[in-house]
Amino acid sequence: MKRRIAVISAILENPTETQGEFNRIVSNFKDIIKGRMGIPYDELGISVISIVVMGTINDINSLTGKLGNIKGVTVKTSISKKEI
C-alpha cells in the first residue's frame, strides 16, 4: 500500500491533564512516526507538538482522529500529495 509523509500538529490546552493519553496514543503508532518536537508554554498552560509521520492515509487519519478526540487537544494535519 502506498505511503505518504505528513506533519501532525497538536495544541494541548491543559497538558498536565491530556499528555498521558496523548503520549499513550502516539506510542501505539510508533511504527509510522519519524520525528517529534514539543514546545511547552508553561506560562500559558499549553504545549505545542508536531509529529512527522510516514504511513498510509488510513494510518495517518487514524492517529489524527484518536488525538483529536482527546478533550482539550486541537489537531491539524498536512499530508503530502506524493505517494512513496
PDB file of N, CA and C in Angstrom:
ATOM      1  N   MET A   1       0.843  -1.180   0.000  1.00  0.00           N
ATOM      2  CA  MET A   1       0.000   0.000   0.000  1.00  0.00           C
ATOM      3  C   MET A   1       0.888   1.243   0.000  1.00  0.00           C
ATOM      4  N   LYS A   2       0.489   2.264  -0.712  1.00  0.00           N
ATOM      5  CA  LYS A   2       1.261   3.498  -0.834  1.00  0.00           C
ATOM      6  C   LYS A   2       1.248   4.285   0.472  1.00  0.00           C
ATOM      7  N   ARG A   3       2.393   4.892   0.764  1.00  0.00           N
ATOM      8  CA  ARG A   3       2.517   5.698   1.980  1.00  0.00           C
ATOM      9  C   ARG A   3       2.763   7.153   1.596  1.00  0.00           C
ATOM     10  N   ARG A   4       2.530   8.015   2.558  1.00  0.00           N
ATOM     11  CA  ARG A   4       2.754   9.447   2.380  1.00  0.00           C
ATOM     12  C   ARG A   4       3.422  10.016   3.624  1.00  0.00           C
ATOM     13  N   ILE A   5       4.089  11.144   3.420  1.00  0.00           N
ATOM     14  CA  ILE A   5       4.665  11.894   4.532  1.00  0.00           C
ATOM     15  C   ILE A   5       3.605  12.882   5.010  1.00  0.00           C
ATOM     16  N   ALA A   6       3.509  13.061   6.316  1.00  0.00           N
ATOM     17  CA  ALA A   6       2.562  14.025   6.878  1.00  0.00           C
ATOM     18  C   ALA A   6       3.154  14.670   8.123  1.00  0.00           C
ATOM     19  N   VAL A   7       2.656  15.847   8.423  1.00  0.00           N
ATOM     20  CA  VAL A   7       3.007  16.537   9.667  1.00  0.00           C
ATOM     21  C   VAL A   7       1.713  16.736  10.445  1.00  0.00           C
ATOM     22  N   ILE A   8       1.699  16.226  11.643  1.00  0.00           N
ATOM     23  CA  ILE A   8       0.551  16.382  12.532  1.00  0.00           C
ATOM     24  C   ILE A   8       0.925  17.421  13.575  1.00  0.00           C
ATOM     25  N   SER A   9       0.129  18.479  13.669  1.00  0.00           N
ATOM     26  CA  SER A   9       0.379  19.494  14.689  1.00  0.00           C
ATOM     27  C   SER A   9      -0.738  19.431  15.721  1.00  0.00           C
ATOM     28  N   ALA A  10      -0.345  19.575  16.971  1.00  0.00           N
ATOM     29  CA  ALA A  10      -1.319  19.479  18.056  1.00  0.00           C
ATOM     30  C   ALA A  10      -1.050  20.556  19.092  1.00  0.00           C
ATOM     31  N   ILE A  11      -2.130  21.102  19.633  1.00  0.00           N
ATOM     32  CA  ILE A  11      -2.044  22.030  20.752  1.00  0.00           C
ATOM     33  C   ILE A  11      -2.790  21.398  21.923  1.00  0.00           C
ATOM     34  N   LEU A  12      -2.078  21.203  23.014  1.00  0.00           N
ATOM     35  CA  LEU A  12      -2.673  20.659  24.234  1.00  0.00           C
ATOM     36  C   LEU A  12      -2.974  21.834  25.145  1.00  0.00           C
ATOM     37  N   GLU A  13      -4.253  22.077  25.385  1.00  0.00           N
ATOM     38  CA  GLU A  13      -4.658  23.251  26.155  1.00  0.00           C
ATOM     39  C   GLU A  13      -4.459  23.092  27.654  1.00  0.00           C
ATOM     40  N   ASN A  14      -4.384  21.878  28.128  1.00  0.00           N
ATOM     41  CA  ASN A  14      -4.092  21.622  29.537  1.00  0.00           C
ATOM     42  C   ASN A  14      -3.205  20.388  29.593  1.00  0.00           C
ATOM     43  N   PRO A  15      -1.913  20.557  29.317  1.00  0.00           N
ATOM     44  CA  PRO A  15      -1.023  19.414  29.168  1.00  0.00           C
ATOM     45  C   PRO A  15      -0.965  18.481  30.370  1.00  0.00           C
ATOM     46  N   THR A  16      -1.087  18.994  31.566  1.00  0.00           N
ATOM     47  CA  THR A  16      -0.999  18.119  32.736  1.00  0.00           C
ATOM     48  C   THR A  16      -2.128  17.095  32.755  1.00  0.00           C
ATOM     49  N   GLU A  17      -3.266  17.431  32.171  1.00  0.00           N
ATOM     50  CA  GLU A  17      -4.402  16.507  32.139  1.00  0.00           C
ATOM     51  C   GLU A  17      -4.421  15.644  30.880  1.00  0.00           C
ATOM     52  N   THR A  18      -3.857  16.136  29.764  1.00  0.00           N
ATOM     53  CA  THR A  18      -4.015  15.443  28.487  1.00  0.00           C
ATOM     54  C   THR A  18      -2.777  14.715  27.993  1.00  0.00           C
ATOM     55  N   GLN A  19      -1.589  15.053  28.510  1.00  0.00           N
ATOM     56  CA  GLN A  19      -0.380  14.494  27.925  1.00  0.00           C
ATOM     57  C   GLN A  19      -0.239  12.989  28.120  1.00  0.00           C
ATOM     58  N   GLY A  20      -0.762  12.439  29.189  1.00  0.00           N
ATOM     59  CA  GLY A  20      -0.693  10.989  29.405  1.00  0.00           C
ATOM     60  C   GLY A  20      -1.411  10.227  28.310  1.00  0.00           C
ATOM     61  N   GLU A  21      -2.655  10.599  28.046  1.00  0.00           N
ATOM     62  CA  GLU A  21      -3.433   9.933  26.998  1.00  0.00           C
ATOM     63  C   GLU A  21      -2.832  10.218  25.622  1.00  0.00           C
ATOM     64  N   PHE A  22      -2.391  11.458  25.408  1.00  0.00           N
ATOM     65  CA  PHE A  22      -1.761  11.837  24.135  1.00  0.00           C
ATOM     66  C   PHE A  22      -0.552  10.950  23.867  1.00  0.00           C
ATOM     67  N   ASN A  23       0.343  10.822  24.842  1.00  0.00           N
ATOM     68  CA  ASN A  23       1.552  10.010  24.679  1.00  0.00           C
ATOM     69  C   ASN A  23       1.240   8.532  24.492  1.00  0.00           C
ATOM     70  N   ARG A  24       0.212   8.047  25.161  1.00  0.00           N
ATOM     71  CA  ARG A  24      -0.181   6.636  25.017  1.00  0.00           C
ATOM     72  C   ARG A  24      -0.614   6.352  23.587  1.00  0.00           C
ATOM     73  N   ILE A  25      -1.423   7.237  23.021  1.00  0.00           N
ATOM     74  CA  ILE A  25      -1.890   7.060  21.654  1.00  0.00           C
ATOM     75  C   ILE A  25      -0.726   7.151  20.677  1.00  0.00           C
ATOM     76  N   VAL A  26       0.133   8.147  20.855  1.00  0.00           N
ATOM     77  CA  VAL A  26       1.289   8.308  19.966  1.00  0.00           C
ATOM     78  C   VAL A  26       2.177   7.060  20.003  1.00  0.00           C
ATOM     79  N   SER A  27       2.402   6.501  21.183  1.00  0.00           N
ATOM     80  CA  SER A  27       3.259   5.316  21.283  1.00  0.00           C
ATOM     81  C   SER A  27       2.664   4.108  20.560  1.00  0.00           C
ATOM     82  N   ASN A  28       1.345   4.065  20.434  1.00  0.00           N
ATOM     83  CA  ASN A  28       0.705   2.971  19.687  1.00  0.00           C
ATOM     84  C   ASN A  28       0.967   3.069  18.188  1.00  0.00           C
ATOM     85  N   PHE A  29       1.426   4.229  17.722  1.00  0.00           N
ATOM     86  CA  PHE A  29       1.706   4.449  16.301  1.00  0.00           C
ATOM     87  C   PHE A  29       3.196   4.651  16.057  1.00  0.00           C
ATOM     88  N   LYS A  30       4.038   4.132  16.946  1.00  0.00           N
ATOM     89  CA  LYS A  30       5.480   4.367  16.852  1.00  0.00           C
ATOM     90  C   LYS A  30       6.087   3.882  15.540  1.00  0.00           C
ATOM     91  N   ASP A  31       5.457   2.915  14.875  1.00  0.00           N
ATOM     92  CA  ASP A  31       5.997   2.386  13.623  1.00  0.00           C
ATOM     93  C   ASP A  31       5.954   3.391  12.481  1.00  0.00           C
ATOM     94  N   ILE A  32       5.049   4.367  12.525  1.00  0.00           N
ATOM     95  CA  ILE A  32       4.963   5.338  11.433  1.00  0.00           C
ATOM     96  C   ILE A  32       5.580   6.687  11.798  1.00  0.00           C
ATOM     97  N   ILE A  33       5.972   6.869  13.051  1.00  0.00           N
ATOM     98  CA  ILE A  33       6.494   8.158  13.500  1.00  0.00           C
ATOM     99  C   ILE A  33       7.982   8.264  13.171  1.00  0.00           C
ATOM    100  N   LYS A  34       8.340   9.356  12.498  1.00  0.00           N
ATOM    101  CA  LYS A  34       9.732   9.607  12.110  1.00  0.00           C
ATOM    102  C   LYS A  34      10.386  10.681  12.964  1.00  0.00           C
ATOM    103  N   GLY A  35       9.611  11.556  13.572  1.00  0.00           N
ATOM    104  CA  GLY A  35      10.168  12.597  14.421  1.00  0.00           C
ATOM    105  C   GLY A  35       9.077  13.313  15.190  1.00  0.00           C
ATOM    106  N   ARG A  36       9.486  13.912  16.311  1.00  0.00           N
ATOM    107  CA  ARG A  36       8.520  14.606  17.163  1.00  0.00           C
ATOM    108  C   ARG A  36       9.213  15.765  17.860  1.00  0.00           C
ATOM    109  N   MET A  37       8.530  16.892  17.921  1.00  0.00           N
ATOM    110  CA  MET A  37       9.056  18.053  18.630  1.00  0.00           C
ATOM    111  C   MET A  37       7.942  18.634  19.488  1.00  0.00           C
ATOM    112  N   GLY A  38       8.253  18.909  20.722  1.00  0.00           N
ATOM    113  CA  GLY A  38       7.279  19.509  21.619  1.00  0.00           C
ATOM    114  C   GLY A  38       7.827  20.775  22.246  1.00  0.00           C
ATOM    115  N   ILE A  39       6.989  21.785  22.320  1.00  0.00           N
ATOM    116  CA  ILE A  39       7.375  23.049  22.937  1.00  0.00           C
ATOM    117  C   ILE A  39       6.365  23.363  24.038  1.00  0.00           C
ATOM    118  N   PRO A  40       6.807  23.308  25.299  1.00  0.00           N
ATOM    119  CA  PRO A  40       5.897  23.644  26.392  1.00  0.00           C
ATOM    120  C   PRO A  40       5.844  25.164  26.606  1.00  0.00           C
ATOM    121  N   TYR A  41       4.666  25.674  26.805  1.00  0.00           N
ATOM    122  CA  TYR A  41       4.459  27.064  27.184  1.00  0.00           C
ATOM    123  C   TYR A  41       3.801  27.047  28.556  1.00  0.00           C
ATOM    124  N   ASP A  42       4.611  26.746  29.559  1.00  0.00           N
ATOM    125  CA  ASP A  42       4.089  26.599  30.920  1.00  0.00           C
ATOM    126  C   ASP A  42       3.351  27.840  31.401  1.00  0.00           C
ATOM    127  N   GLU A  43       3.874  29.023  31.043  1.00  0.00           N
ATOM    128  CA  GLU A  43       3.252  30.265  31.498  1.00  0.00           C
ATOM    129  C   GLU A  43       1.861  30.468  30.894  1.00  0.00           C
ATOM    130  N   LEU A  44       1.599  29.800  29.754  1.00  0.00           N
ATOM    131  CA  LEU A  44       0.288  29.893  29.106  1.00  0.00           C
ATOM    132  C   LEU A  44      -0.588  28.675  29.379  1.00  0.00           C
ATOM    133  N   GLY A  45       0.000  27.641  29.940  1.00  0.00           N
ATOM    134  CA  GLY A  45      -0.750  26.419  30.225  1.00  0.00           C
ATOM    135  C   GLY A  45      -1.068  25.605  28.983  1.00  0.00           C
ATOM    136  N   ILE A  46      -0.186  25.686  27.964  1.00  0.00           N
ATOM    137  CA  ILE A  46      -0.389  24.890  26.751  1.00  0.00           C
ATOM    138  C   ILE A  46       0.938  24.270  26.323  1.00  0.00           C
ATOM    139  N   SER A  47       0.843  23.276  25.464  1.00  0.00           N
ATOM    140  CA  SER A  47       2.003  22.689  24.801  1.00  0.00           C
ATOM    141  C   SER A  47       1.689  22.582  23.323  1.00  0.00           C
ATOM    142  N   VAL A  48       2.715  22.807  22.499  1.00  0.00           N
ATOM    143  CA  VAL A  48       2.578  22.691  21.051  1.00  0.00           C
ATOM    144  C   VAL A  48       3.472  21.529  20.618  1.00  0.00           C
ATOM    145  N   ILE A  49       2.903  20.595  19.864  1.00  0.00           N
ATOM    146  CA  ILE A  49       3.632  19.398  19.446  1.00  0.00           C
ATOM    147  C   ILE A  49       3.469  19.217  17.949  1.00  0.00           C
ATOM    148  N   SER A  50       4.585  18.880  17.279  1.00  0.00           N
ATOM    149  CA  SER A  50       4.494  18.495  15.873  1.00  0.00           C
ATOM    150  C   SER A  50       5.119  17.113  15.721  1.00  0.00           C
ATOM    151  N   ILE A  51       4.467  16.290  14.907  1.00  0.00           N
ATOM    152  CA  ILE A  51       4.891  14.907  14.695  1.00  0.00           C
ATOM    153  C   ILE A  51       4.980  14.664  13.193  1.00  0.00           C
ATOM    154  N   VAL A  52       6.138  14.193  12.733  1.00  0.00           N
ATOM    155  CA  VAL A  52       6.307  13.829  11.333  1.00  0.00           C
ATOM    156  C   VAL A  52       6.088  12.325  11.223  1.00  0.00           C
ATOM    157  N   VAL A  53       5.214  11.936  10.302  1.00  0.00           N
ATOM    158  CA  VAL A  53       4.894  10.519  10.120  1.00  0.00           C
ATOM    159  C   VAL A  53       5.026  10.128   8.648  1.00  0.00           C
ATOM    160  N   MET A  54       5.232   8.837   8.426  1.00  0.00           N
ATOM    161  CA  MET A  54       5.179   8.272   7.082  1.00  0.00           C
ATOM    162  C   MET A  54       4.347   6.998   7.174  1.00  0.00           C
ATOM    163  N   GLY A  55       3.179   7.027   6.524  1.00  0.00           N
ATOM    164  CA  GLY A  55       2.291   5.875   6.599  1.00  0.00           C
ATOM    165  C   GLY A  55       1.197   5.970   5.568  1.00  0.00           C
ATOM    166  N   THR A  56       0.306   5.017   5.608  1.00  0.00           N
ATOM    167  CA  THR A  56      -0.838   5.046   4.701  1.00  0.00           C
ATOM    168  C   THR A  56      -1.798   6.144   5.144  1.00  0.00           C
ATOM    169  N   ILE A  57      -2.649   6.542   4.231  1.00  0.00           N
ATOM    170  CA  ILE A  57      -3.666   7.545   4.577  1.00  0.00           C
ATOM    171  C   ILE A  57      -4.502   7.055   5.757  1.00  0.00           C
ATOM    172  N   ASN A  58      -4.839   5.773   5.771  1.00  0.00           N
ATOM    173  CA  ASN A  58      -5.640   5.218   6.869  1.00  0.00           C
ATOM    174  C   ASN A  58      -4.911   5.332   8.207  1.00  0.00           C
ATOM    175  N   ASP A  59      -3.611   5.020   8.211  1.00  0.00           N
ATOM    176  CA  ASP A  59      -2.831   5.120   9.452  1.00  0.00           C
ATOM    177  C   ASP A  59      -2.760   6.566   9.948  1.00  0.00           C
ATOM    178  N   ILE A  60      -2.486   7.478   9.028  1.00  0.00           N
ATOM    179  CA  ILE A  60      -2.374   8.898   9.384  1.00  0.00           C
ATOM    180  C   ILE A  60      -3.702   9.423   9.917  1.00  0.00           C
ATOM    181  N   ASN A  61      -4.781   9.095   9.222  1.00  0.00           N
ATOM    182  CA  ASN A  61      -6.105   9.553   9.663  1.00  0.00           C
ATOM    183  C   ASN A  61      -6.507   8.932  10.995  1.00  0.00           C
ATOM    184  N   SER A  62      -6.124   7.687  11.204  1.00  0.00           N
ATOM    185  CA  SER A  62      -6.453   7.029  12.470  1.00  0.00           C
ATOM    186  C   SER A  62      -5.749   7.721  13.636  1.00  0.00           C
ATOM    187  N   LEU A  63      -4.462   7.994  13.475  1.00  0.00           N
ATOM    188  CA  LEU A  63      -3.716   8.688  14.530  1.00  0.00           C
ATOM    189  C   LEU A  63      -4.288  10.073  14.770  1.00  0.00           C
ATOM    190  N   THR A  64      -4.516  10.818  13.701  1.00  0.00           N
ATOM    191  CA  THR A  64      -5.061  12.166  13.830  1.00  0.00           C
ATOM    192  C   THR A  64      -6.425  12.147  14.520  1.00  0.00           C
ATOM    193  N   GLY A  65      -7.278  11.227  14.136  1.00  0.00           N
ATOM    194  CA  GLY A  65      -8.614  11.131  14.730  1.00  0.00           C
ATOM    195  C   GLY A  65      -8.580  10.813  16.205  1.00  0.00           C
ATOM    196  N   LYS A  66      -7.729   9.866  16.596  1.00  0.00           N
ATOM    197  CA  LYS A  66      -7.635   9.497  18.011  1.00  0.00           C
ATOM    198  C   LYS A  66      -7.110  10.657  18.853  1.00  0.00           C
ATOM    199  N   LEU A  67      -6.111  11.364  18.324  1.00  0.00           N
ATOM    200  CA  LEU A  67      -5.579  12.512  19.068  1.00  0.00           C
ATOM    201  C   LEU A  67      -6.609  13.632  19.156  1.00  0.00           C
ATOM    202  N   GLY A  68      -7.344  13.849  18.076  1.00  0.00           N
ATOM    203  CA  GLY A  68      -8.353  14.901  18.046  1.00  0.00           C
ATOM    204  C   GLY A  68      -9.545  14.631  18.948  1.00  0.00           C
ATOM    205  N   ASN A  69      -9.737  13.376  19.335  1.00  0.00           N
ATOM    206  CA  ASN A  69     -10.842  13.028  20.229  1.00  0.00           C
ATOM    207  C   ASN A  69     -10.528  13.267  21.700  1.00  0.00           C
ATOM    208  N   ILE A  70      -9.284  13.619  21.996  1.00  0.00           N
ATOM    209  CA  ILE A  70      -8.922  13.917  23.382  1.00  0.00           C
ATOM    210  C   ILE A  70      -9.433  15.321  23.716  1.00  0.00           C
ATOM    211  N   LYS A  71     -10.177  15.424  24.796  1.00  0.00           N
ATOM    212  CA  LYS A  71     -10.712  16.732  25.211  1.00  0.00           C
ATOM    213  C   LYS A  71      -9.555  17.679  25.527  1.00  0.00           C
ATOM    214  N   GLY A  72      -9.605  18.884  24.955  1.00  0.00           N
ATOM    215  CA  GLY A  72      -8.569  19.878  25.186  1.00  0.00           C
ATOM    216  C   GLY A  72      -7.402  19.797  24.224  1.00  0.00           C
ATOM    217  N   VAL A  73      -7.514  18.934  23.197  1.00  0.00           N
ATOM    218  CA  VAL A  73      -6.456  18.802  22.204  1.00  0.00           C
ATOM    219  C   VAL A  73      -7.007  19.200  20.840  1.00  0.00           C
ATOM    220  N   THR A  74      -6.309  20.119  20.160  1.00  0.00           N
ATOM    221  CA  THR A  74      -6.662  20.538  18.808  1.00  0.00           C
ATOM    222  C   THR A  74      -5.599  19.989  17.866  1.00  0.00           C
ATOM    223  N   VAL A  75      -6.035  19.339  16.771  1.00  0.00           N
ATOM    224  CA  VAL A  75      -5.109  18.675  15.855  1.00  0.00           C
ATOM    225  C   VAL A  75      -5.399  19.094  14.420  1.00  0.00           C
ATOM    226  N   LYS A  76      -4.326  19.342  13.676  1.00  0.00           N
ATOM    227  CA  LYS A  76      -4.406  19.601  12.232  1.00  0.00           C
ATOM    228  C   LYS A  76      -3.312  18.784  11.565  1.00  0.00           C
ATOM    229  N   THR A  77      -3.568  18.343  10.335  1.00  0.00           N
ATOM    230  CA  THR A  77      -2.607  17.508   9.623  1.00  0.00           C
ATOM    231  C   THR A  77      -2.406  18.017   8.204  1.00  0.00           C
ATOM    232  N   SER A  78      -1.155  18.029   7.781  1.00  0.00           N
ATOM    233  CA  SER A  78      -0.802  18.314   6.387  1.00  0.00           C
ATOM    234  C   SER A  78      -0.210  17.050   5.799  1.00  0.00           C
ATOM    235  N   ILE A  79      -0.777  16.579   4.694  1.00  0.00           N
ATOM    236  CA  ILE A  79      -0.350  15.327   4.067  1.00  0.00           C
ATOM    237  C   ILE A  79       0.196  15.627   2.679  1.00  0.00           C
ATOM    238  N   SER A  80       1.355  15.026   2.366  1.00  0.00           N
ATOM    239  CA  SER A  80       1.961  15.225   1.060  1.00  0.00           C
ATOM    240  C   SER A  80       1.082  14.612  -0.034  1.00  0.00           C
ATOM    241  N   LYS A  81       1.162  15.177  -1.218  1.00  0.00           N
ATOM    242  CA  LYS A  81       0.447  14.610  -2.362  1.00  0.00           C
ATOM    243  C   LYS A  81       1.216  13.457  -2.974  1.00  0.00           C
ATOM    244  N   LYS A  82       2.534  13.484  -2.814  1.00  0.00           N
ATOM    245  CA  LYS A  82       3.394  12.453  -3.400  1.00  0.00           C
ATOM    246  C   LYS A  82       3.277  11.151  -2.621  1.00  0.00           C
ATOM    247  N   GLU A  83       3.032  10.065  -3.355  1.00  0.00           N
ATOM    248  CA  GLU A  83       2.991   8.741  -2.731  1.00  0.00           C
ATOM    249  C   GLU A  83       4.378   8.114  -2.778  1.00  0.00           C
ATOM    250  N   ILE A  84       4.715   7.386  -1.739  1.00  0.00           N
ATOM    251  CA  ILE A  84       6.025   6.751  -1.636  1.00  0.00           C
ATOM    252  C   ILE A  84       5.846   5.241  -1.699  1.00  0.00           C
TER     253      ILE A  84
END
